[in-house]
PDB file of all heavy atoms in Angstrom:
ATOM      1  N   LYS A   1      -1.644  -6.942 -11.193  1.00  0.00           N
ATOM      2  CA  LYS A   1      -1.963  -6.997 -12.532  1.00  0.00           C
ATOM      3  C   LYS A   1      -3.194  -7.927 -12.822  1.00  0.00           C
ATOM      4  O   LYS A   1      -3.957  -7.638 -13.772  1.00  0.00           O
ATOM      5  CB  LYS A   1      -0.806  -7.654 -13.321  1.00  0.00           C
ATOM      6  CG  LYS A   1       0.346  -6.706 -13.509  1.00  0.00           C
ATOM      7  CD  LYS A   1       1.453  -7.369 -14.251  1.00  0.00           C
ATOM      8  CE  LYS A   1       2.563  -6.261 -14.424  1.00  0.00           C
ATOM      9  NZ  LYS A   1       3.844  -6.873 -14.955  1.00  0.00           N
ATOM     10  N   LYS A   2      -3.455  -8.837 -11.903  1.00  0.00           N
ATOM     11  CA  LYS A   2      -4.582  -9.691 -12.073  1.00  0.00           C
ATOM     12  C   LYS A   2      -5.882  -8.997 -11.513  1.00  0.00           C
ATOM     13  O   LYS A   2      -7.069  -9.541 -11.636  1.00  0.00           O
ATOM     14  CB  LYS A   2      -4.499 -10.892 -11.150  1.00  0.00           C
ATOM     15  CG  LYS A   2      -3.567 -11.885 -11.628  1.00  0.00           C
ATOM     16  CD  LYS A   2      -3.488 -13.013 -10.563  1.00  0.00           C
ATOM     17  CE  LYS A   2      -2.437 -14.067 -10.920  1.00  0.00           C
ATOM     18  NZ  LYS A   2      -2.318 -15.136  -9.980  1.00  0.00           N
ATOM     19  N   GLY A   3      -5.830  -7.815 -10.999  1.00  0.00           N
ATOM     20  CA  GLY A   3      -7.038  -6.933 -10.591  1.00  0.00           C
ATOM     21  C   GLY A   3      -7.352  -7.273  -9.107  1.00  0.00           C
ATOM     22  O   GLY A   3      -8.445  -6.987  -8.584  1.00  0.00           O
ATOM     23  N   LYS A   4      -6.420  -7.944  -8.379  1.00  0.00           N
ATOM     24  CA  LYS A   4      -6.704  -8.230  -6.950  1.00  0.00           C
ATOM     25  C   LYS A   4      -6.636  -7.027  -6.205  1.00  0.00           C
ATOM     26  O   LYS A   4      -5.754  -6.063  -6.414  1.00  0.00           O
ATOM     27  CB  LYS A   4      -5.771  -9.289  -6.416  1.00  0.00           C
ATOM     28  CG  LYS A   4      -5.777 -10.581  -7.151  1.00  0.00           C
ATOM     29  CD  LYS A   4      -6.931 -11.399  -6.844  1.00  0.00           C
ATOM     30  CE  LYS A   4      -6.954 -12.664  -7.655  1.00  0.00           C
ATOM     31  NZ  LYS A   4      -6.432 -13.863  -6.952  1.00  0.00           N
ATOM     32  N   ILE A   5      -7.439  -6.891  -5.096  1.00  0.00           N
ATOM     33  CA  ILE A   5      -7.247  -5.804  -4.085  1.00  0.00           C
ATOM     34  C   ILE A   5      -6.243  -6.358  -3.127  1.00  0.00           C
ATOM     35  O   ILE A   5      -6.303  -7.509  -2.688  1.00  0.00           O
ATOM     36  CB  ILE A   5      -8.640  -5.663  -3.399  1.00  0.00           C
ATOM     37  CG1 ILE A   5      -9.666  -5.146  -4.343  1.00  0.00           C
ATOM     38  CG2 ILE A   5      -8.538  -4.794  -2.164  1.00  0.00           C
ATOM     39  CD1 ILE A   5     -11.107  -5.209  -3.858  1.00  0.00           C
ATOM     40  N   VAL A   6      -5.349  -5.491  -2.814  1.00  0.00           N
ATOM     41  CA  VAL A   6      -4.220  -5.847  -1.720  1.00  0.00           C
ATOM     42  C   VAL A   6      -4.351  -4.928  -0.434  1.00  0.00           C
ATOM     43  O   VAL A   6      -4.472  -3.778  -0.566  1.00  0.00           O
ATOM     44  CB  VAL A   6      -2.889  -5.585  -2.503  1.00  0.00           C
ATOM     45  CG1 VAL A   6      -1.730  -5.856  -1.495  1.00  0.00           C
ATOM     46  CG2 VAL A   6      -2.718  -6.569  -3.627  1.00  0.00           C
ATOM     47  N   PHE A   7      -4.430  -5.713   0.526  1.00  0.00           N
ATOM     48  CA  PHE A   7      -4.354  -5.102   1.982  1.00  0.00           C
ATOM     49  C   PHE A   7      -2.863  -4.996   2.264  1.00  0.00           C
ATOM     50  O   PHE A   7      -2.140  -6.054   2.245  1.00  0.00           O
ATOM     51  CB  PHE A   7      -5.143  -6.120   2.869  1.00  0.00           C
ATOM     52  CG  PHE A   7      -5.200  -5.798   4.286  1.00  0.00           C
ATOM     53  CD1 PHE A   7      -6.187  -5.114   4.885  1.00  0.00           C
ATOM     54  CD2 PHE A   7      -4.079  -6.247   5.110  1.00  0.00           C
ATOM     55  CE1 PHE A   7      -6.199  -4.876   6.205  1.00  0.00           C
ATOM     56  CE2 PHE A   7      -4.183  -5.989   6.433  1.00  0.00           C
ATOM     57  CZ  PHE A   7      -5.271  -5.210   7.073  1.00  0.00           C
ATOM     58  N   ALA A   8      -2.418  -3.772   2.669  1.00  0.00           N
ATOM     59  CA  ALA A   8      -1.068  -3.516   2.886  1.00  0.00           C
ATOM     60  C   ALA A   8      -0.649  -2.874   4.220  1.00  0.00           C
ATOM     61  O   ALA A   8      -1.107  -1.750   4.442  1.00  0.00           O
ATOM     62  CB  ALA A   8      -0.417  -2.655   1.706  1.00  0.00           C
ATOM     63  N   ALA A   9       0.050  -3.534   5.078  1.00  0.00           N
ATOM     64  CA  ALA A   9       0.394  -2.960   6.428  1.00  0.00           C
ATOM     65  C   ALA A   9       1.750  -2.156   6.149  1.00  0.00           C
ATOM     66  O   ALA A   9       2.704  -2.862   5.642  1.00  0.00           O
ATOM     67  CB  ALA A   9       0.580  -4.001   7.370  1.00  0.00           C
ATOM     68  N   MET A  10       1.790  -0.975   6.464  1.00  0.00           N
ATOM     69  CA  MET A  10       2.878  -0.065   6.058  1.00  0.00           C
ATOM     70  C   MET A  10       3.565   0.274   7.352  1.00  0.00           C
ATOM     71  O   MET A  10       2.983   0.563   8.273  1.00  0.00           O
ATOM     72  CB  MET A  10       2.388   1.172   5.428  1.00  0.00           C
ATOM     73  CG  MET A  10       1.619   0.863   4.116  1.00  0.00           C
ATOM     74  SD  MET A  10       2.592  -0.104   2.845  1.00  0.00           S
ATOM     75  CE  MET A  10       3.670   1.077   2.370  1.00  0.00           C
ATOM     76  N   ALA A  11       4.941   0.622   7.147  1.00  0.00           N
ATOM     77  CA  ALA A  11       5.831   1.144   8.181  1.00  0.00           C
ATOM     78  C   ALA A  11       6.102   2.636   7.887  1.00  0.00           C
ATOM     79  O   ALA A  11       5.539   3.206   7.026  1.00  0.00           O
ATOM     80  CB  ALA A  11       7.040   0.297   8.402  1.00  0.00           C
ATOM     81  N   ASN A  12       7.108   3.035   8.591  1.00  0.00           N
ATOM     82  CA  ASN A  12       7.592   4.458   8.354  1.00  0.00           C
ATOM     83  C   ASN A  12       7.708   4.792   6.801  1.00  0.00           C
ATOM     84  O   ASN A  12       8.421   4.139   6.107  1.00  0.00           O
ATOM     85  CB  ASN A  12       8.838   4.705   9.055  1.00  0.00           C
ATOM     86  CG  ASN A  12       9.230   6.156   9.224  1.00  0.00           C
ATOM     87  OD1 ASN A  12       8.425   6.997   9.196  1.00  0.00           O
ATOM     88  ND2 ASN A  12      10.549   6.443   9.096  1.00  0.00           N
ATOM     89  N   GLY A  13       7.104   5.956   6.457  1.00  0.00           N
ATOM     90  CA  GLY A  13       7.181   6.368   5.128  1.00  0.00           C
ATOM     91  C   GLY A  13       5.976   7.302   4.761  1.00  0.00           C
ATOM     92  O   GLY A  13       5.560   8.017   5.680  1.00  0.00           O
ATOM     93  N   ILE A  14       5.596   7.244   3.536  1.00  0.00           N
ATOM     94  CA  ILE A  14       4.511   7.961   3.053  1.00  0.00           C
ATOM     95  C   ILE A  14       3.264   7.830   3.905  1.00  0.00           C
ATOM     96  O   ILE A  14       2.498   8.757   4.126  1.00  0.00           O
ATOM     97  CB  ILE A  14       4.208   7.649   1.567  1.00  0.00           C
ATOM     98  CG1 ILE A  14       5.455   7.904   0.679  1.00  0.00           C
ATOM     99  CG2 ILE A  14       2.965   8.426   1.183  1.00  0.00           C
ATOM    100  CD1 ILE A  14       5.172   7.303  -0.609  1.00  0.00           C
ATOM    101  N   PHE A  15       2.869   6.739   4.272  1.00  0.00           N
ATOM    102  CA  PHE A  15       1.583   6.362   4.981  1.00  0.00           C
ATOM    103  C   PHE A  15       1.651   6.103   6.479  1.00  0.00           C
ATOM    104  O   PHE A  15       0.614   6.113   7.142  1.00  0.00           O
ATOM    105  CB  PHE A  15       0.962   5.188   4.338  1.00  0.00           C
ATOM    106  CG  PHE A  15       0.819   5.406   2.737  1.00  0.00           C
ATOM    107  CD1 PHE A  15       1.692   4.801   1.927  1.00  0.00           C
ATOM    108  CD2 PHE A  15      -0.215   6.079   2.222  1.00  0.00           C
ATOM    109  CE1 PHE A  15       1.664   4.991   0.621  1.00  0.00           C
ATOM    110  CE2 PHE A  15      -0.260   6.428   0.932  1.00  0.00           C
ATOM    111  CZ  PHE A  15       0.621   5.757   0.086  1.00  0.00           C
ATOM    112  N   ALA A  16       2.741   6.033   7.049  1.00  0.00           N
ATOM    113  CA  ALA A  16       2.920   5.745   8.473  1.00  0.00           C
ATOM    114  C   ALA A  16       4.048   6.510   9.050  1.00  0.00           C
ATOM    115  O   ALA A  16       4.953   6.919   8.457  1.00  0.00           O
ATOM    116  CB  ALA A  16       2.999   4.274   8.672  1.00  0.00           C
ATOM    117  N   THR A  17       4.132   6.440  10.422  1.00  0.00           N
ATOM    118  CA  THR A  17       5.250   7.081  11.093  1.00  0.00           C
ATOM    119  C   THR A  17       6.079   6.069  11.780  1.00  0.00           C
ATOM    120  O   THR A  17       5.759   4.942  11.882  1.00  0.00           O
ATOM    121  CB  THR A  17       4.721   8.131  12.129  1.00  0.00           C
ATOM    122  OG1 THR A  17       4.031   7.362  13.205  1.00  0.00           O
ATOM    123  CG2 THR A  17       3.739   9.159  11.509  1.00  0.00           C
ATOM    124  N   PRO A  18       7.347   6.590  12.311  1.00  0.00           N
ATOM    125  CA  PRO A  18       8.057   5.487  13.016  1.00  0.00           C
ATOM    126  C   PRO A  18       7.405   4.880  14.243  1.00  0.00           C
ATOM    127  O   PRO A  18       7.717   3.790  14.703  1.00  0.00           O
ATOM    128  CB  PRO A  18       9.222   6.350  13.557  1.00  0.00           C
ATOM    129  CG  PRO A  18       9.389   7.499  12.637  1.00  0.00           C
ATOM    130  CD  PRO A  18       7.951   7.803  12.148  1.00  0.00           C
ATOM    131  N   TRP A  19       6.293   5.600  14.731  1.00  0.00           N
ATOM    132  CA  TRP A  19       5.557   5.034  15.889  1.00  0.00           C
ATOM    133  C   TRP A  19       4.249   4.692  15.748  1.00  0.00           C
ATOM    134  O   TRP A  19       3.567   4.254  16.646  1.00  0.00           O
ATOM    135  CB  TRP A  19       5.574   6.135  16.921  1.00  0.00           C
ATOM    136  CG  TRP A  19       6.968   6.795  17.282  1.00  0.00           C
ATOM    137  CD1 TRP A  19       7.873   6.274  18.108  1.00  0.00           C
ATOM    138  CD2 TRP A  19       7.455   7.979  16.624  1.00  0.00           C
ATOM    139  NE1 TRP A  19       9.035   7.103  18.021  1.00  0.00           N
ATOM    140  CE2 TRP A  19       8.787   8.192  17.228  1.00  0.00           C
ATOM    141  CE3 TRP A  19       7.018   8.847  15.703  1.00  0.00           C
ATOM    142  CZ2 TRP A  19       9.552   9.170  16.685  1.00  0.00           C
ATOM    143  CZ3 TRP A  19       7.863   9.935  15.364  1.00  0.00           C
ATOM    144  CH2 TRP A  19       9.091   9.991  15.812  1.00  0.00           C
ATOM    145  N   TYR A  20       3.788   4.560  14.436  1.00  0.00           N
ATOM    146  CA  TYR A  20       2.468   4.298  14.112  1.00  0.00           C
ATOM    147  C   TYR A  20       2.334   3.486  12.787  1.00  0.00           C
ATOM    148  O   TYR A  20       2.443   4.225  11.750  1.00  0.00           O
ATOM    149  CB  TYR A  20       1.625   5.524  14.116  1.00  0.00           C
ATOM    150  CG  TYR A  20       0.053   5.347  14.022  1.00  0.00           C
ATOM    151  CD1 TYR A  20      -0.649   4.684  14.973  1.00  0.00           C
ATOM    152  CD2 TYR A  20      -0.487   5.771  12.838  1.00  0.00           C
ATOM    153  CE1 TYR A  20      -2.008   4.561  14.825  1.00  0.00           C
ATOM    154  CE2 TYR A  20      -1.811   5.567  12.654  1.00  0.00           C
ATOM    155  CZ  TYR A  20      -2.584   5.018  13.633  1.00  0.00           C
ATOM    156  OH  TYR A  20      -3.870   4.869  13.427  1.00  0.00           O
ATOM    157  N   ASN A  21       2.235   2.256  12.727  1.00  0.00           N
ATOM    158  CA  ASN A  21       2.014   1.550  11.395  1.00  0.00           C
ATOM    159  C   ASN A  21       0.643   1.745  10.990  1.00  0.00           C
ATOM    160  O   ASN A  21      -0.303   2.096  11.782  1.00  0.00           O
ATOM    161  CB  ASN A  21       2.331   0.021  11.656  1.00  0.00           C
ATOM    162  CG  ASN A  21       3.717  -0.217  11.892  1.00  0.00           C
ATOM    163  OD1 ASN A  21       4.562   0.620  11.843  1.00  0.00           O
ATOM    164  ND2 ASN A  21       4.168  -1.480  12.270  1.00  0.00           N
ATOM    165  N   HIS A  22       0.404   1.527   9.748  1.00  0.00           N
ATOM    166  CA  HIS A  22      -0.941   1.853   9.142  1.00  0.00           C
ATOM    167  C   HIS A  22      -1.253   0.892   7.997  1.00  0.00           C
ATOM    168  O   HIS A  22      -0.286   0.488   7.326  1.00  0.00           O
ATOM    169  CB  HIS A  22      -0.812   3.307   8.816  1.00  0.00           C
ATOM    170  CG  HIS A  22      -2.143   3.779   8.117  1.00  0.00           C
ATOM    171  ND1 HIS A  22      -3.431   3.602   8.707  1.00  0.00           N
ATOM    172  CD2 HIS A  22      -2.390   4.434   6.885  1.00  0.00           C
ATOM    173  CE1 HIS A  22      -4.327   4.162   7.820  1.00  0.00           C
ATOM    174  NE2 HIS A  22      -3.740   4.687   6.841  1.00  0.00           N
ATOM    175  N   VAL A  23      -2.478   0.659   7.809  1.00  0.00           N
ATOM    176  CA  VAL A  23      -2.950  -0.274   6.611  1.00  0.00           C
ATOM    177  C   VAL A  23      -3.507   0.620   5.543  1.00  0.00           C
ATOM    178  O   VAL A  23      -4.342   1.576   5.874  1.00  0.00           O
ATOM    179  CB  VAL A  23      -3.891  -1.384   7.106  1.00  0.00           C
ATOM    180  CG1 VAL A  23      -4.425  -2.108   5.973  1.00  0.00           C
ATOM    181  CG2 VAL A  23      -3.138  -2.300   8.025  1.00  0.00           C
ATOM    182  N   ILE A  24      -3.124   0.310   4.317  1.00  0.00           N
ATOM    183  CA  ILE A  24      -3.789   0.888   3.086  1.00  0.00           C
ATOM    184  C   ILE A  24      -4.235  -0.112   2.211  1.00  0.00           C
ATOM    185  O   ILE A  24      -3.879  -1.370   2.353  1.00  0.00           O
ATOM    186  CB  ILE A  24      -2.722   1.762   2.310  1.00  0.00           C
ATOM    187  CG1 ILE A  24      -1.548   1.083   1.948  1.00  0.00           C
ATOM    188  CG2 ILE A  24      -2.370   3.066   3.263  1.00  0.00           C
ATOM    189  CD1 ILE A  24      -0.527   1.730   1.090  1.00  0.00           C
ATOM    190  N   VAL A  25      -5.010   0.213   1.231  1.00  0.00           N
ATOM    191  CA  VAL A  25      -5.535  -0.835   0.270  1.00  0.00           C
ATOM    192  C   VAL A  25      -5.004  -0.401  -1.055  1.00  0.00           C
ATOM    193  O   VAL A  25      -5.031   0.834  -1.457  1.00  0.00           O
ATOM    194  CB  VAL A  25      -7.074  -0.717   0.220  1.00  0.00           C
ATOM    195  CG1 VAL A  25      -7.563  -1.721  -0.769  1.00  0.00           C
ATOM    196  CG2 VAL A  25      -7.578  -1.089   1.636  1.00  0.00           C
ATOM    197  N   LEU A  26      -4.588  -1.432  -1.867  1.00  0.00           N
ATOM    198  CA  LEU A  26      -3.910  -1.114  -3.281  1.00  0.00           C
ATOM    199  C   LEU A  26      -4.811  -1.904  -4.263  1.00  0.00           C
ATOM    200  O   LEU A  26      -5.378  -2.854  -4.075  1.00  0.00           O
ATOM    201  CB  LEU A  26      -2.587  -1.570  -3.272  1.00  0.00           C
ATOM    202  CG  LEU A  26      -1.640  -1.507  -2.085  1.00  0.00           C
ATOM    203  CD1 LEU A  26      -0.278  -2.221  -2.354  1.00  0.00           C
ATOM    204  CD2 LEU A  26      -1.265  -0.006  -2.021  1.00  0.00           C
ATOM    205  N   TYR A  27      -4.932  -1.253  -5.532  1.00  0.00           N
ATOM    206  CA  TYR A  27      -5.454  -1.966  -6.586  1.00  0.00           C
ATOM    207  C   TYR A  27      -4.930  -1.413  -7.905  1.00  0.00           C
ATOM    208  O   TYR A  27      -4.609  -0.251  -8.091  1.00  0.00           O
ATOM    209  CB  TYR A  27      -6.963  -1.994  -6.562  1.00  0.00           C
ATOM    210  CG  TYR A  27      -7.696  -0.693  -6.769  1.00  0.00           C
ATOM    211  CD1 TYR A  27      -8.036  -0.254  -7.874  1.00  0.00           C
ATOM    212  CD2 TYR A  27      -8.063   0.061  -5.636  1.00  0.00           C
ATOM    213  CE1 TYR A  27      -8.696   0.919  -8.145  1.00  0.00           C
ATOM    214  CE2 TYR A  27      -8.680   1.178  -5.712  1.00  0.00           C
ATOM    215  CZ  TYR A  27      -8.914   1.672  -6.989  1.00  0.00           C
ATOM    216  OH  TYR A  27      -9.701   2.919  -7.168  1.00  0.00           O
ATOM    217  N   GLY A  28      -4.834  -2.375  -8.887  1.00  0.00           N
ATOM    218  CA  GLY A  28      -4.344  -1.980 -10.236  1.00  0.00           C
ATOM    219  C   GLY A  28      -2.848  -1.946 -10.261  1.00  0.00           C
ATOM    220  O   GLY A  28      -2.013  -1.788  -9.270  1.00  0.00           O
ATOM    221  N   ASN A  29      -2.342  -2.190 -11.561  1.00  0.00           N
ATOM    222  CA  ASN A  29      -0.858  -2.043 -11.886  1.00  0.00           C
ATOM    223  C   ASN A  29      -0.768  -1.398 -13.177  1.00  0.00           C
ATOM    224  O   ASN A  29      -1.078  -1.933 -14.228  1.00  0.00           O
ATOM    225  CB  ASN A  29      -0.196  -3.443 -11.834  1.00  0.00           C
ATOM    226  CG  ASN A  29       1.260  -3.282 -12.027  1.00  0.00           C
ATOM    227  OD1 ASN A  29       1.775  -2.394 -12.675  1.00  0.00           O
ATOM    228  ND2 ASN A  29       1.971  -4.390 -11.521  1.00  0.00           N
ATOM    229  N   ASP A  30      -0.431  -0.157 -13.110  1.00  0.00           N
ATOM    230  CA  ASP A  30      -0.368   0.760 -14.346  1.00  0.00           C
ATOM    231  C   ASP A  30       1.079   1.075 -14.462  1.00  0.00           C
ATOM    232  O   ASP A  30       1.488   2.130 -13.931  1.00  0.00           O
ATOM    233  CB  ASP A  30      -1.378   1.956 -14.147  1.00  0.00           C
ATOM    234  CG  ASP A  30      -1.281   2.858 -15.423  1.00  0.00           C
ATOM    235  OD1 ASP A  30      -0.909   2.364 -16.505  1.00  0.00           O
ATOM    236  OD2 ASP A  30      -1.786   4.121 -15.286  1.00  0.00           O
ATOM    237  N   ASN A  31       1.772   0.286 -15.259  1.00  0.00           N
ATOM    238  CA  ASN A  31       3.277   0.625 -15.566  1.00  0.00           C
ATOM    239  C   ASN A  31       4.003   0.893 -14.271  1.00  0.00           C
ATOM    240  O   ASN A  31       4.710   1.885 -14.205  1.00  0.00           O
ATOM    241  CB  ASN A  31       3.380   1.830 -16.511  1.00  0.00           C
ATOM    242  CG  ASN A  31       2.863   1.542 -17.875  1.00  0.00           C
ATOM    243  OD1 ASN A  31       3.007   0.535 -18.409  1.00  0.00           O
ATOM    244  ND2 ASN A  31       1.963   2.507 -18.396  1.00  0.00           N
ATOM    245  N   GLY A  32       3.781  -0.018 -13.313  1.00  0.00           N
ATOM    246  CA  GLY A  32       4.604   0.151 -12.023  1.00  0.00           C
ATOM    247  C   GLY A  32       4.057   0.929 -10.994  1.00  0.00           C
ATOM    248  O   GLY A  32       4.592   1.126  -9.944  1.00  0.00           O
ATOM    249  N   LYS A  33       2.789   1.582 -11.111  1.00  0.00           N
ATOM    250  CA  LYS A  33       2.123   2.248 -10.195  1.00  0.00           C
ATOM    251  C   LYS A  33       0.808   1.647  -9.909  1.00  0.00           C
ATOM    252  O   LYS A  33       0.186   0.965 -10.638  1.00  0.00           O
ATOM    253  CB  LYS A  33       1.921   3.742 -10.717  1.00  0.00           C
ATOM    254  CG  LYS A  33       3.127   4.495 -10.894  1.00  0.00           C
ATOM    255  CD  LYS A  33       2.942   6.016 -11.116  1.00  0.00           C
ATOM    256  CE  LYS A  33       4.216   6.852 -10.966  1.00  0.00           C
ATOM    257  NZ  LYS A  33       3.985   8.188 -11.037  1.00  0.00           N
ATOM    258  N   THR A  34       0.422   1.767  -8.692  1.00  0.00           N
ATOM    259  CA  THR A  34      -0.917   1.345  -8.067  1.00  0.00           C
ATOM    260  C   THR A  34      -1.650   2.424  -7.436  1.00  0.00           C
ATOM    261  O   THR A  34      -1.120   3.400  -6.937  1.00  0.00           O
ATOM    262  CB  THR A  34      -0.632   0.124  -7.191  1.00  0.00           C
ATOM    263  OG1 THR A  34      -1.922  -0.500  -6.868  1.00  0.00           O
ATOM    264  CG2 THR A  34      -0.031   0.454  -5.975  1.00  0.00           C
TER     265      THR A  34
END
């Protein structure tokens, strides 16, 4: 909400697999979505 850029290490799911973690970048908060 402050407009900060967020560095996010992700586990299994949308952006990574059970065997491969992955980093994404987030920004903004629009009614619970980024």
